[in-house]
């Protein structure tokens, strides 16, 4: 059977909602048929969870309106840890450009870099031994829930069991500026909620000087085209 309109709210269980949406796409009329569906959309936004099925469906998506976790919980009286999307699908749609297509090389440059995790020390074990060091408590990734959904401004100076060591207050200041204001951290946090765990962000070779966006573009060797992609995404 084919239909001119399908309105759906499929069950949110693994990739079941995607499989149901793919099946529904087989049953809309080629001329004027459309689907409006409310369902999780992280697989279309997060390059970590993108899969073959979502890539296939993305070609038929015309618009995708995002509903945040907080808004969804308030609207529907549910608890959900992923964003919801209102999908508009029909034959001849413009297609949804997947984030992994646009950001793949940029994110590879950031994720292949040594991470903050490599410099974290655990309080009470090997930290706080040098009286000449300044220790900055930060949220590590030693426990799934501890770092999840923190805002960047909240994951430094928090009540954490881990820390970073610096030589001067200026280094601490420059590190905080980098974590909260630089484009690499803003970009990773925006496209990948997992980057809210500060340990996953790139750790720079020195914080003896402030890092400007121009410095970081050069340091991570971004092309002019990649720089435009970053600026369009975070501004």
N, C-alpha and C. Protein backbone atom coordinates (compact mmCIF):
# COMPACT_ATOMS: atom_id res chain seq x y z
N UNK A 1 0.84 -1.20 0.00
CA UNK A 1 0.00 0.00 0.00
C UNK A 1 0.87 1.25 0.00
N UNK A 2 0.42 2.26 -0.70
CA UNK A 2 1.11 3.54 -0.72
C UNK A 2 0.19 4.63 -0.19
N UNK A 3 0.78 5.65 0.42
CA UNK A 3 0.01 6.72 1.06
C UNK A 3 0.55 8.07 0.62
N UNK A 4 -0.34 9.07 0.67
CA UNK A 4 0.14 10.41 0.32
C UNK A 4 0.76 11.13 1.52
N UNK A 5 0.44 10.66 2.73
CA UNK A 5 1.05 11.25 3.93
C UNK A 5 1.15 10.21 5.03
N UNK A 6 2.31 10.15 5.68
CA UNK A 6 2.50 9.27 6.83
C UNK A 6 3.01 10.13 7.98
N UNK A 7 2.32 10.07 9.12
CA UNK A 7 2.75 10.78 10.33
C UNK A 7 3.17 9.72 11.33
N UNK A 8 4.40 9.80 11.84
CA UNK A 8 4.95 8.71 12.64
C UNK A 8 5.65 9.21 13.91
N UNK A 9 5.57 8.35 14.91
CA UNK A 9 6.34 8.52 16.14
C UNK A 9 6.77 7.11 16.57
N UNK A 10 7.75 6.55 15.85
CA UNK A 10 8.11 5.14 16.08
C UNK A 10 8.78 4.93 17.44
N UNK A 11 8.80 3.70 17.94
CA UNK A 11 9.41 3.40 19.24
C UNK A 11 10.91 3.68 19.24
N UNK A 12 11.40 4.24 20.36
CA UNK A 12 12.81 4.59 20.48
C UNK A 12 13.57 3.44 21.13
N UNK A 13 13.95 2.50 20.32
CA UNK A 13 14.68 1.32 20.82
C UNK A 13 15.81 1.00 19.86
N UNK A 14 17.05 1.32 20.25
CA UNK A 14 18.18 1.08 19.37
C UNK A 14 17.98 1.80 18.05
N UNK A 15 18.13 1.06 16.95
CA UNK A 15 17.92 1.61 15.62
C UNK A 15 16.55 1.25 15.05
N UNK A 16 15.64 0.76 15.91
CA UNK A 16 14.32 0.34 15.43
C UNK A 16 13.58 1.49 14.77
N UNK A 17 13.69 2.69 15.33
CA UNK A 17 12.98 3.84 14.75
C UNK A 17 13.49 4.14 13.34
N UNK A 18 14.78 3.89 13.10
CA UNK A 18 15.32 4.11 11.76
C UNK A 18 14.81 3.05 10.77
N UNK A 19 14.73 1.81 11.24
CA UNK A 19 14.24 0.73 10.39
C UNK A 19 12.78 0.95 10.01
N UNK A 20 11.99 1.44 10.98
CA UNK A 20 10.58 1.72 10.70
C UNK A 20 10.46 2.88 9.71
N UNK A 21 11.30 3.89 9.89
CA UNK A 21 11.27 5.02 8.98
C UNK A 21 11.67 4.60 7.56
N UNK A 22 12.67 3.76 7.45
CA UNK A 22 13.07 3.25 6.14
C UNK A 22 11.93 2.48 5.48
N UNK A 23 11.22 1.67 6.27
CA UNK A 23 10.08 0.92 5.72
C UNK A 23 8.97 1.86 5.29
N UNK A 24 8.71 2.89 6.09
CA UNK A 24 7.67 3.85 5.74
C UNK A 24 7.99 4.56 4.42
N UNK A 25 9.28 4.79 4.18
CA UNK A 25 9.70 5.47 2.96
C UNK A 25 9.35 4.67 1.71
N UNK A 26 9.17 3.36 1.87
CA UNK A 26 8.82 2.51 0.73
C UNK A 26 7.34 2.65 0.36
N UNK A 27 6.56 3.28 1.24
CA UNK A 27 5.10 3.28 1.07
C UNK A 27 4.51 4.67 0.90
N UNK A 28 5.33 5.65 0.55
CA UNK A 28 4.77 6.96 0.23
C UNK A 28 4.68 7.09 -1.29
N UNK A 29 3.66 7.78 -1.73
CA UNK A 29 3.46 7.96 -3.16
C UNK A 29 4.62 8.75 -3.75
N UNK A 30 5.06 8.34 -4.92
CA UNK A 30 6.21 8.98 -5.55
C UNK A 30 5.92 10.43 -5.91
N UNK A 31 4.67 10.72 -6.21
CA UNK A 31 4.29 12.08 -6.62
C UNK A 31 3.51 12.75 -5.49
N UNK A 32 4.21 13.50 -4.65
CA UNK A 32 3.55 14.27 -3.61
C UNK A 32 3.44 13.60 -2.26
N UNK A 33 3.84 12.34 -2.13
CA UNK A 33 3.78 11.68 -0.83
C UNK A 33 4.85 12.21 0.11
N UNK A 34 4.53 12.26 1.39
CA UNK A 34 5.50 12.78 2.35
C UNK A 34 5.35 12.09 3.70
N UNK A 35 6.42 12.16 4.48
CA UNK A 35 6.45 11.61 5.84
C UNK A 35 6.84 12.72 6.81
N UNK A 36 6.11 12.81 7.92
CA UNK A 36 6.49 13.66 9.04
C UNK A 36 6.69 12.71 10.22
N UNK A 37 7.89 12.67 10.77
CA UNK A 37 8.17 11.71 11.84
C UNK A 37 8.92 12.38 12.98
N UNK A 38 8.52 12.06 14.20
CA UNK A 38 9.19 12.53 15.41
C UNK A 38 9.98 11.37 16.00
N UNK A 39 11.31 11.50 16.08
CA UNK A 39 12.13 10.39 16.58
C UNK A 39 13.54 10.88 16.89
N UNK A 40 14.34 10.07 17.60
CA UNK A 40 15.72 10.47 17.92
C UNK A 40 16.51 10.80 16.65
N UNK A 41 17.39 11.80 16.76
CA UNK A 41 18.12 12.23 15.56
C UNK A 41 19.62 12.30 15.77
N UNK A 42 20.13 11.80 16.91
CA UNK A 42 21.57 11.89 17.17
C UNK A 42 22.41 11.24 16.08
N UNK A 43 21.89 10.16 15.48
CA UNK A 43 22.65 9.46 14.45
C UNK A 43 22.84 10.32 13.20
N UNK A 44 22.07 11.42 13.08
CA UNK A 44 22.23 12.34 11.96
C UNK A 44 23.10 13.54 12.34
N UNK A 45 23.39 13.70 13.65
CA UNK A 45 24.10 14.88 14.12
C UNK A 45 25.48 14.57 14.69
N UNK A 46 25.66 13.37 15.19
CA UNK A 46 26.87 13.01 15.91
C UNK A 46 27.70 12.06 15.06
N UNK A 47 28.91 12.47 14.71
CA UNK A 47 29.70 11.66 13.79
C UNK A 47 30.12 10.33 14.42
N UNK A 48 29.99 10.22 15.75
CA UNK A 48 30.34 8.95 16.40
C UNK A 48 29.30 7.87 16.17
N UNK A 49 28.05 8.26 15.94
CA UNK A 49 26.97 7.28 15.87
C UNK A 49 26.35 7.17 14.48
N UNK A 50 26.85 7.95 13.53
CA UNK A 50 26.34 7.85 12.17
C UNK A 50 26.54 6.44 11.62
N UNK A 51 25.53 5.92 10.95
CA UNK A 51 25.65 4.57 10.40
C UNK A 51 25.10 4.53 8.96
N UNK A 52 25.22 3.39 8.33
CA UNK A 52 24.80 3.23 6.94
C UNK A 52 23.33 3.53 6.76
N UNK A 53 22.51 3.12 7.74
CA UNK A 53 21.07 3.32 7.64
C UNK A 53 20.72 4.80 7.68
N UNK A 54 21.32 5.54 8.59
CA UNK A 54 21.02 6.98 8.68
C UNK A 54 21.52 7.72 7.44
N UNK A 55 22.65 7.29 6.89
CA UNK A 55 23.18 7.91 5.68
C UNK A 55 22.23 7.69 4.51
N UNK A 56 21.64 6.50 4.46
CA UNK A 56 20.67 6.18 3.40
C UNK A 56 19.42 7.05 3.52
N UNK A 57 18.92 7.19 4.74
CA UNK A 57 17.70 7.96 4.98
C UNK A 57 17.94 9.45 4.73
N UNK A 58 19.13 9.92 5.07
CA UNK A 58 19.44 11.35 4.96
C UNK A 58 19.21 11.90 3.56
N UNK A 59 19.36 11.06 2.55
CA UNK A 59 19.20 11.51 1.16
C UNK A 59 17.78 11.95 0.85
N UNK A 60 16.80 11.47 1.65
CA UNK A 60 15.39 11.78 1.38
C UNK A 60 14.83 12.83 2.36
N UNK A 61 15.68 13.33 3.26
CA UNK A 61 15.21 14.31 4.25
C UNK A 61 15.27 15.71 3.65
N UNK A 62 14.17 16.44 3.77
CA UNK A 62 14.16 17.82 3.29
C UNK A 62 14.50 18.78 4.42
N UNK A 63 13.84 18.60 5.56
CA UNK A 63 14.15 19.43 6.73
C UNK A 63 14.19 18.55 7.98
N UNK A 64 14.97 18.99 8.97
CA UNK A 64 15.07 18.30 10.25
C UNK A 64 15.08 19.36 11.34
N UNK A 65 13.98 19.43 12.07
CA UNK A 65 13.86 20.41 13.15
C UNK A 65 14.27 19.73 14.46
N UNK A 66 15.24 20.33 15.17
CA UNK A 66 15.81 19.70 16.36
C UNK A 66 15.05 20.11 17.62
N UNK A 67 14.78 19.13 18.47
CA UNK A 67 14.20 19.37 19.80
C UNK A 67 15.22 18.87 20.82
N UNK A 68 15.69 19.75 21.69
CA UNK A 68 16.72 19.38 22.66
C UNK A 68 16.18 18.38 23.67
N UNK A 69 17.10 17.68 24.35
CA UNK A 69 16.71 16.73 25.38
C UNK A 69 15.83 17.40 26.44
N UNK A 70 16.27 18.58 26.89
CA UNK A 70 15.54 19.30 27.95
C UNK A 70 14.14 19.68 27.49
N UNK A 71 14.04 20.17 26.26
CA UNK A 71 12.74 20.57 25.72
C UNK A 71 11.83 19.36 25.53
N UNK A 72 12.40 18.25 25.05
CA UNK A 72 11.60 17.04 24.83
C UNK A 72 11.06 16.50 26.15
N UNK A 73 11.91 16.48 27.17
CA UNK A 73 11.47 15.99 28.48
C UNK A 73 10.33 16.85 29.03
N UNK A 74 10.44 18.17 28.81
CA UNK A 74 9.41 19.08 29.30
C UNK A 74 8.11 18.94 28.50
N UNK A 75 8.23 18.84 27.18
CA UNK A 75 7.04 18.77 26.33
C UNK A 75 6.26 17.48 26.49
N UNK A 76 6.99 16.37 26.61
CA UNK A 76 6.34 15.06 26.54
C UNK A 76 6.32 14.31 27.87
N UNK A 77 6.90 14.91 28.92
CA UNK A 77 6.88 14.24 30.22
C UNK A 77 7.63 12.93 30.23
N UNK A 78 8.77 12.90 29.52
CA UNK A 78 9.57 11.69 29.42
C UNK A 78 10.99 11.98 29.89
N UNK A 79 11.80 10.95 30.01
CA UNK A 79 13.23 11.15 30.22
C UNK A 79 13.95 10.55 29.02
N UNK A 80 14.66 11.40 28.28
CA UNK A 80 15.40 10.94 27.11
C UNK A 80 16.73 11.65 27.08
N UNK A 81 17.79 10.94 26.76
CA UNK A 81 19.13 11.51 26.80
C UNK A 81 19.65 11.87 25.41
N UNK A 82 18.79 11.78 24.39
CA UNK A 82 19.20 12.15 23.04
C UNK A 82 18.23 13.18 22.47
N UNK A 83 18.73 13.94 21.52
CA UNK A 83 17.89 14.94 20.88
C UNK A 83 16.83 14.25 20.02
N UNK A 84 15.68 14.91 19.89
CA UNK A 84 14.64 14.44 18.99
C UNK A 84 14.61 15.33 17.76
N UNK A 85 14.13 14.78 16.66
CA UNK A 85 14.01 15.55 15.44
C UNK A 85 12.64 15.38 14.82
N UNK A 86 12.12 16.45 14.23
CA UNK A 86 10.92 16.36 13.41
C UNK A 86 11.40 16.27 11.97
N UNK A 87 11.25 15.08 11.37
CA UNK A 87 11.75 14.80 10.03
C UNK A 87 10.66 15.09 8.99
N UNK A 88 11.05 15.74 7.92
CA UNK A 88 10.15 15.93 6.78
C UNK A 88 10.82 15.26 5.59
N UNK A 89 10.18 14.22 5.08
CA UNK A 89 10.77 13.36 4.05
C UNK A 89 9.84 13.23 2.85
N UNK A 90 10.40 13.35 1.66
CA UNK A 90 9.62 13.09 0.45
C UNK A 90 10.58 12.87 -0.72
N UNK A 91 10.05 12.29 -1.78
CA UNK A 91 10.84 12.07 -2.99
C UNK A 91 11.26 13.41 -3.57
N UNK A 92 12.52 13.52 -3.95
CA UNK A 92 13.01 14.76 -4.52
C UNK A 92 13.43 15.79 -3.51
N UNK A 93 13.48 15.39 -2.21
CA UNK A 93 13.92 16.32 -1.16
C UNK A 93 15.38 16.71 -1.39
N UNK A 94 15.78 17.82 -0.78
CA UNK A 94 17.13 18.32 -1.02
C UNK A 94 18.20 17.46 -0.36
N UNK A 95 17.80 16.63 0.64
CA UNK A 95 18.75 15.77 1.31
C UNK A 95 19.44 16.47 2.46
N UNK A 96 19.73 15.72 3.51
CA UNK A 96 20.40 16.27 4.69
C UNK A 96 21.89 15.98 4.60
N UNK A 97 22.68 17.02 4.69
CA UNK A 97 24.14 16.84 4.64
C UNK A 97 24.61 16.33 5.99
N UNK A 98 25.18 15.14 6.00
CA UNK A 98 25.61 14.52 7.26
C UNK A 98 26.86 15.21 7.78
N UNK A 99 26.95 15.36 9.09
CA UNK A 99 28.09 16.05 9.68
C UNK A 99 29.40 15.33 9.44
N UNK A 100 29.35 14.00 9.35
CA UNK A 100 30.62 13.28 9.15
C UNK A 100 31.23 13.61 7.80
N UNK A 101 30.39 13.96 6.80
CA UNK A 101 30.92 14.33 5.49
C UNK A 101 31.68 15.65 5.56
N UNK A 102 31.16 16.58 6.34
CA UNK A 102 31.72 17.93 6.38
C UNK A 102 32.88 18.06 7.35
N UNK A 103 32.82 17.32 8.44
CA UNK A 103 33.78 17.51 9.52
C UNK A 103 34.83 16.41 9.65
N UNK A 104 34.73 15.39 8.82
CA UNK A 104 35.57 14.21 9.03
C UNK A 104 37.05 14.54 9.15
N UNK A 105 37.60 15.26 8.20
CA UNK A 105 39.05 15.52 8.24
C UNK A 105 39.42 16.46 9.38
N UNK A 106 38.52 17.41 9.68
CA UNK A 106 38.81 18.35 10.77
C UNK A 106 38.84 17.61 12.10
N UNK A 107 37.82 16.78 12.34
CA UNK A 107 37.74 16.07 13.61
C UNK A 107 38.86 15.04 13.74
N UNK A 108 39.25 14.45 12.64
CA UNK A 108 40.38 13.51 12.70
C UNK A 108 41.64 14.22 13.18
N UNK A 109 41.85 15.44 12.72
CA UNK A 109 43.01 16.22 13.15
C UNK A 109 42.96 16.50 14.65
N UNK A 110 41.78 16.76 15.16
CA UNK A 110 41.62 17.06 16.59
C UNK A 110 41.72 15.80 17.43
N UNK A 111 41.06 14.73 16.99
CA UNK A 111 41.02 13.51 17.81
C UNK A 111 42.32 12.71 17.74
N UNK A 112 43.08 12.87 16.66
CA UNK A 112 44.35 12.15 16.56
C UNK A 112 45.45 12.84 17.36
N UNK A 113 45.16 14.04 17.84
CA UNK A 113 46.11 14.78 18.66
C UNK A 113 46.11 14.21 20.08
N UNK A 114 47.21 14.35 20.79
CA UNK A 114 47.26 13.90 22.18
C UNK A 114 46.17 14.61 22.97
N UNK A 115 45.45 13.88 23.81
CA UNK A 115 44.31 14.45 24.52
C UNK A 115 44.70 14.91 25.93
N UNK A 116 43.81 15.69 26.53
CA UNK A 116 44.03 16.17 27.89
C UNK A 116 44.16 14.99 28.85
N UNK A 117 43.52 13.88 28.51
CA UNK A 117 43.58 12.68 29.36
C UNK A 117 45.03 12.29 29.68
N UNK A 118 45.92 12.48 28.73
CA UNK A 118 47.31 12.05 28.90
C UNK A 118 48.04 12.83 29.99
N UNK A 119 47.52 14.01 30.36
CA UNK A 119 48.20 14.85 31.35
C UNK A 119 47.46 14.93 32.68
N UNK A 120 46.33 14.22 32.78
CA UNK A 120 45.55 14.27 34.02
C UNK A 120 46.22 13.42 35.09
N UNK A 121 46.26 13.95 36.29
CA UNK A 121 46.74 13.19 37.44
C UNK A 121 45.58 12.98 38.42
N UNK A 122 45.58 11.83 39.09
CA UNK A 122 44.52 11.52 40.04
C UNK A 122 44.90 12.04 41.42
N UNK A 123 44.02 12.77 42.03
CA UNK A 123 44.28 13.30 43.37
C UNK A 123 44.55 12.16 44.35
N UNK A 124 45.53 12.37 45.21
CA UNK A 124 45.81 11.39 46.26
C UNK A 124 46.74 10.28 45.84
N UNK A 125 47.05 10.18 44.52
CA UNK A 125 47.94 9.13 44.05
C UNK A 125 49.28 9.73 43.64
N UNK A 126 49.29 10.41 42.50
CA UNK A 126 50.56 10.97 42.06
C UNK A 126 50.47 12.49 41.88
N UNK A 127 49.39 13.08 42.35
CA UNK A 127 49.22 14.51 42.21
C UNK A 127 49.51 15.24 43.53
N UNK A 128 49.63 16.56 43.42
CA UNK A 128 49.77 17.44 44.58
C UNK A 128 51.06 17.21 45.36
N UNK A 129 52.06 16.65 44.73
CA UNK A 129 53.31 16.36 45.44
C UNK A 129 54.32 17.49 45.30
N UNK A 130 54.21 18.28 44.23
CA UNK A 130 55.17 19.33 43.97
C UNK A 130 54.61 20.66 44.45
N UNK A 131 55.22 21.24 45.46
CA UNK A 131 54.72 22.49 46.04
C UNK A 131 54.88 23.66 45.08
N UNK A 132 55.71 23.51 44.06
CA UNK A 132 55.93 24.60 43.10
C UNK A 132 54.91 24.59 41.97
N UNK A 133 54.06 23.58 41.93
CA UNK A 133 53.07 23.46 40.88
C UNK A 133 51.72 24.05 41.33
N UNK A 134 50.96 24.51 40.37
CA UNK A 134 49.59 24.95 40.61
C UNK A 134 48.67 23.87 40.06
N UNK A 135 47.81 23.32 40.91
CA UNK A 135 46.96 22.20 40.50
C UNK A 135 45.54 22.69 40.25
N UNK A 136 45.07 22.40 39.05
CA UNK A 136 43.72 22.80 38.65
C UNK A 136 42.82 21.58 38.60
N UNK A 137 41.85 21.49 39.51
CA UNK A 137 40.92 20.34 39.45
C UNK A 137 40.04 20.43 38.21
N UNK A 138 39.90 19.31 37.51
CA UNK A 138 39.04 19.25 36.32
C UNK A 138 38.24 17.96 36.35
N UNK A 139 37.22 17.92 35.52
CA UNK A 139 36.44 16.68 35.39
C UNK A 139 37.13 15.75 34.43
N UNK A 140 37.53 14.58 34.90
CA UNK A 140 38.15 13.60 34.04
C UNK A 140 37.10 12.72 33.39
N UNK A 141 37.49 11.59 32.89
CA UNK A 141 36.52 10.67 32.29
C UNK A 141 36.53 9.34 33.03
N UNK A 142 36.74 9.41 34.34
CA UNK A 142 36.79 8.20 35.15
C UNK A 142 35.41 7.90 35.70
N UNK A 143 34.49 7.56 34.84
CA UNK A 143 33.10 7.33 35.22
C UNK A 143 32.20 8.02 34.22
N UNK A 144 31.35 7.24 33.59
CA UNK A 144 30.53 7.72 32.47
C UNK A 144 29.72 8.95 32.82
N UNK A 145 28.99 8.90 33.94
CA UNK A 145 28.03 9.96 34.22
C UNK A 145 28.68 11.24 34.70
N UNK A 146 29.90 11.17 35.21
CA UNK A 146 30.48 12.34 35.86
C UNK A 146 30.69 13.50 34.91
N UNK A 147 31.06 13.22 33.69
CA UNK A 147 31.37 14.31 32.77
C UNK A 147 30.29 14.57 31.75
N UNK A 148 29.23 13.79 31.76
CA UNK A 148 28.26 13.87 30.69
C UNK A 148 27.39 15.13 30.81
N UNK A 149 27.24 15.86 29.72
CA UNK A 149 26.39 17.03 29.62
C UNK A 149 26.85 18.21 30.47
N UNK A 150 28.11 18.22 30.95
CA UNK A 150 28.64 19.41 31.57
C UNK A 150 28.84 20.49 30.51
N UNK A 151 28.57 21.75 30.88
CA UNK A 151 28.96 22.85 30.02
C UNK A 151 30.47 23.04 30.16
N UNK A 152 31.11 23.53 29.12
CA UNK A 152 32.56 23.68 29.18
C UNK A 152 32.98 24.54 30.36
N UNK A 153 32.20 25.59 30.66
CA UNK A 153 32.56 26.48 31.76
C UNK A 153 32.49 25.78 33.11
N UNK A 154 31.75 24.67 33.18
CA UNK A 154 31.52 23.99 34.46
C UNK A 154 32.47 22.84 34.72
N UNK A 155 33.26 22.44 33.72
CA UNK A 155 34.08 21.25 33.92
C UNK A 155 35.50 21.56 34.33
N UNK A 156 35.77 22.85 34.61
CA UNK A 156 37.02 23.21 35.27
C UNK A 156 36.67 23.77 36.64
N UNK A 157 37.56 23.59 37.58
CA UNK A 157 37.32 24.02 38.96
C UNK A 157 36.09 23.36 39.56
N UNK A 158 35.77 22.16 39.11
CA UNK A 158 34.63 21.45 39.67
C UNK A 158 35.13 20.53 40.79
N UNK A 159 34.20 19.91 41.45
CA UNK A 159 34.56 18.99 42.54
C UNK A 159 34.95 17.65 41.94
N UNK A 160 36.18 17.59 41.44
CA UNK A 160 36.63 16.41 40.72
C UNK A 160 37.76 15.71 41.46
N UNK A 161 38.01 14.48 41.09
CA UNK A 161 39.09 13.71 41.74
C UNK A 161 40.33 13.71 40.86
N UNK A 162 40.38 14.59 39.87
CA UNK A 162 41.54 14.64 38.99
C UNK A 162 41.95 16.09 38.76
N UNK A 163 43.16 16.30 38.27
CA UNK A 163 43.66 17.66 38.12
C UNK A 163 44.76 17.71 37.08
N UNK A 164 45.07 18.94 36.68
CA UNK A 164 46.21 19.22 35.81
C UNK A 164 47.19 20.12 36.57
N UNK A 165 48.46 19.95 36.29
CA UNK A 165 49.50 20.73 36.98
C UNK A 165 50.06 21.79 36.03
N UNK A 166 50.21 23.01 36.54
CA UNK A 166 50.78 24.11 35.77
C UNK A 166 51.86 24.80 36.60
N UNK A 167 52.72 25.54 35.90
CA UNK A 167 53.81 26.23 36.59
C UNK A 167 53.41 27.62 37.07
N UNK A 168 52.53 28.30 36.33
CA UNK A 168 52.17 29.68 36.67
C UNK A 168 50.67 29.90 36.55
N UNK A 169 50.22 31.00 37.17
CA UNK A 169 48.81 31.37 37.07
C UNK A 169 48.45 31.76 35.64
N UNK A 170 49.41 32.32 34.91
CA UNK A 170 49.15 32.68 33.51
C UNK A 170 48.85 31.43 32.68
N UNK A 171 49.56 30.33 32.96
CA UNK A 171 49.30 29.09 32.24
C UNK A 171 47.89 28.58 32.53
N UNK A 172 47.49 28.68 33.79
CA UNK A 172 46.13 28.27 34.17
C UNK A 172 45.10 29.12 33.42
N UNK A 173 45.34 30.43 33.40
CA UNK A 173 44.42 31.34 32.71
C UNK A 173 44.34 31.00 31.23
N UNK A 174 45.49 30.76 30.60
CA UNK A 174 45.50 30.46 29.16
C UNK A 174 44.82 29.13 28.87
N UNK A 175 44.98 28.16 29.77
CA UNK A 175 44.31 26.87 29.60
C UNK A 175 42.79 27.05 29.68
N UNK A 176 42.33 27.81 30.66
CA UNK A 176 40.88 28.04 30.81
C UNK A 176 40.31 28.75 29.59
N UNK A 177 41.05 29.73 29.07
CA UNK A 177 40.60 30.44 27.87
C UNK A 177 40.50 29.48 26.69
N UNK A 178 41.48 28.60 26.58
CA UNK A 178 41.48 27.62 25.50
C UNK A 178 40.27 26.69 25.59
N UNK A 179 40.02 26.14 26.77
CA UNK A 179 38.94 25.17 26.95
C UNK A 179 37.57 25.79 26.74
N UNK A 180 37.40 27.05 27.16
CA UNK A 180 36.06 27.64 27.13
C UNK A 180 35.78 28.49 25.90
N UNK A 181 36.82 28.93 25.19
CA UNK A 181 36.58 29.90 24.11
C UNK A 181 37.17 29.53 22.75
N UNK A 182 38.06 28.56 22.68
CA UNK A 182 38.73 28.28 21.41
C UNK A 182 37.83 27.47 20.48
N UNK A 183 38.09 27.59 19.17
CA UNK A 183 37.26 26.88 18.20
C UNK A 183 37.40 25.36 18.28
N UNK A 184 38.59 24.76 18.57
CA UNK A 184 38.62 23.29 18.64
C UNK A 184 37.68 22.74 19.71
N UNK A 185 37.68 23.38 20.88
CA UNK A 185 36.84 22.89 21.97
C UNK A 185 35.37 23.17 21.71
N UNK A 186 35.06 24.35 21.18
CA UNK A 186 33.67 24.66 20.84
C UNK A 186 33.13 23.70 19.80
N UNK A 187 33.95 23.41 18.80
CA UNK A 187 33.51 22.53 17.72
C UNK A 187 33.29 21.11 18.21
N UNK A 188 34.24 20.57 18.96
CA UNK A 188 34.10 19.20 19.45
C UNK A 188 32.91 19.07 20.39
N UNK A 189 32.72 20.08 21.22
CA UNK A 189 31.60 20.04 22.16
C UNK A 189 30.27 20.12 21.43
N UNK A 190 30.22 20.92 20.37
CA UNK A 190 28.95 21.12 19.67
C UNK A 190 28.53 19.90 18.87
N UNK A 191 29.48 19.25 18.18
CA UNK A 191 29.08 18.15 17.31
C UNK A 191 29.14 16.80 17.99
N UNK A 192 29.72 16.77 19.19
CA UNK A 192 29.89 15.48 19.86
C UNK A 192 29.76 15.69 21.36
N UNK A 193 28.60 15.34 21.93
CA UNK A 193 28.37 15.56 23.36
C UNK A 193 29.42 14.89 24.21
N UNK A 194 30.06 13.83 23.69
CA UNK A 194 31.07 13.12 24.46
C UNK A 194 32.25 14.02 24.79
N UNK A 195 32.46 15.08 23.99
CA UNK A 195 33.56 16.00 24.26
C UNK A 195 33.30 16.84 25.50
N UNK A 196 32.07 16.73 26.08
CA UNK A 196 31.82 17.40 27.34
C UNK A 196 32.69 16.82 28.44
N UNK A 197 33.20 15.61 28.23
CA UNK A 197 34.23 15.08 29.12
C UNK A 197 35.54 15.73 28.70
N UNK A 198 36.04 16.61 29.53
CA UNK A 198 37.16 17.46 29.15
C UNK A 198 38.39 16.66 28.77
N UNK A 199 38.53 15.46 29.31
CA UNK A 199 39.71 14.64 29.03
C UNK A 199 39.85 14.29 27.56
N UNK A 200 38.77 14.37 26.80
CA UNK A 200 38.81 13.98 25.39
C UNK A 200 39.27 15.10 24.47
N UNK A 201 39.38 16.32 24.97
CA UNK A 201 39.78 17.44 24.14
C UNK A 201 41.29 17.44 23.89
N UNK A 202 41.76 18.07 22.82
CA UNK A 202 43.20 18.09 22.54
C UNK A 202 43.97 18.86 23.61
N UNK A 203 45.13 18.36 23.98
CA UNK A 203 46.00 19.04 24.94
C UNK A 203 47.14 19.69 24.18
N UNK A 204 47.29 20.99 24.31
CA UNK A 204 48.28 21.74 23.54
C UNK A 204 49.67 21.61 24.17
N UNK A 205 50.73 21.82 23.38
CA UNK A 205 52.09 21.59 23.89
C UNK A 205 52.52 22.59 24.96
N UNK A 206 51.93 23.77 24.98
CA UNK A 206 52.28 24.76 25.99
C UNK A 206 51.12 25.71 26.22
N UNK A 207 51.04 26.23 27.44
CA UNK A 207 50.06 27.27 27.76
C UNK A 207 50.77 28.50 28.30
N UNK A 208 52.04 28.64 27.96
CA UNK A 208 52.82 29.80 28.41
C UNK A 208 52.38 31.06 27.67
N UNK A 209 51.62 30.90 26.59
CA UNK A 209 51.10 32.03 25.83
C UNK A 209 49.62 31.78 25.55
N UNK A 210 48.84 32.83 25.34
CA UNK A 210 47.45 32.64 24.90
C UNK A 210 47.43 32.08 23.48
N UNK A 211 46.43 31.25 23.19
CA UNK A 211 46.26 30.70 21.84
C UNK A 211 45.10 31.40 21.16
N UNK A 212 45.39 32.10 20.06
CA UNK A 212 44.32 32.72 19.28
C UNK A 212 43.75 31.69 18.31
N UNK A 213 42.58 31.99 17.76
CA UNK A 213 42.00 31.08 16.77
C UNK A 213 42.92 30.93 15.57
N UNK A 214 43.56 32.03 15.19
CA UNK A 214 44.49 31.97 14.05
C UNK A 214 45.66 31.04 14.36
N UNK A 215 46.18 31.13 15.60
CA UNK A 215 47.26 30.22 16.01
C UNK A 215 46.82 28.77 15.89
N UNK A 216 45.59 28.49 16.33
CA UNK A 216 45.09 27.12 16.36
C UNK A 216 44.77 26.60 14.96
N UNK A 217 44.30 27.46 14.07
CA UNK A 217 44.11 27.04 12.68
C UNK A 217 45.43 26.59 12.09
N UNK A 218 46.47 27.36 12.37
CA UNK A 218 47.79 27.01 11.84
C UNK A 218 48.34 25.76 12.51
N UNK A 219 48.17 25.67 13.83
CA UNK A 219 48.70 24.53 14.58
C UNK A 219 48.07 23.22 14.11
N UNK A 220 46.76 23.22 13.88
CA UNK A 220 46.07 22.00 13.45
C UNK A 220 46.04 21.87 11.92
N UNK A 221 46.71 22.77 11.23
CA UNK A 221 46.92 22.68 9.79
C UNK A 221 45.60 22.60 9.02
N UNK A 222 44.67 23.52 9.32
CA UNK A 222 43.40 23.56 8.61
C UNK A 222 43.53 24.34 7.31
N UNK A 223 42.91 23.83 6.28
CA UNK A 223 42.90 24.51 4.99
C UNK A 223 41.94 25.71 5.08
N UNK A 224 42.03 26.66 4.13
CA UNK A 224 41.07 27.77 4.12
C UNK A 224 39.63 27.30 4.06
N UNK A 225 39.36 26.23 3.31
CA UNK A 225 37.99 25.70 3.22
C UNK A 225 37.54 25.13 4.57
N UNK A 226 38.44 24.43 5.27
CA UNK A 226 38.10 23.88 6.59
C UNK A 226 37.87 24.99 7.61
N UNK A 227 38.62 26.06 7.50
CA UNK A 227 38.43 27.19 8.42
C UNK A 227 37.04 27.80 8.24
N UNK A 228 36.59 27.90 7.00
CA UNK A 228 35.25 28.43 6.75
C UNK A 228 34.17 27.52 7.35
N UNK A 229 34.38 26.21 7.25
CA UNK A 229 33.43 25.26 7.82
C UNK A 229 33.33 25.47 9.33
N UNK A 230 34.48 25.59 9.99
CA UNK A 230 34.50 25.80 11.45
C UNK A 230 33.80 27.10 11.81
N UNK A 231 34.13 28.19 11.12
CA UNK A 231 33.55 29.49 11.44
C UNK A 231 32.04 29.50 11.24
N UNK A 232 31.57 28.84 10.19
CA UNK A 232 30.13 28.78 9.96
C UNK A 232 29.40 27.97 11.02
N UNK A 233 30.10 26.98 11.58
CA UNK A 233 29.47 26.10 12.56
C UNK A 233 29.42 26.71 13.95
N UNK A 234 30.45 27.42 14.36
CA UNK A 234 30.51 27.89 15.76
C UNK A 234 30.05 29.33 15.92
N UNK A 235 29.91 30.08 14.82
CA UNK A 235 29.50 31.50 14.94
C UNK A 235 27.99 31.64 14.79
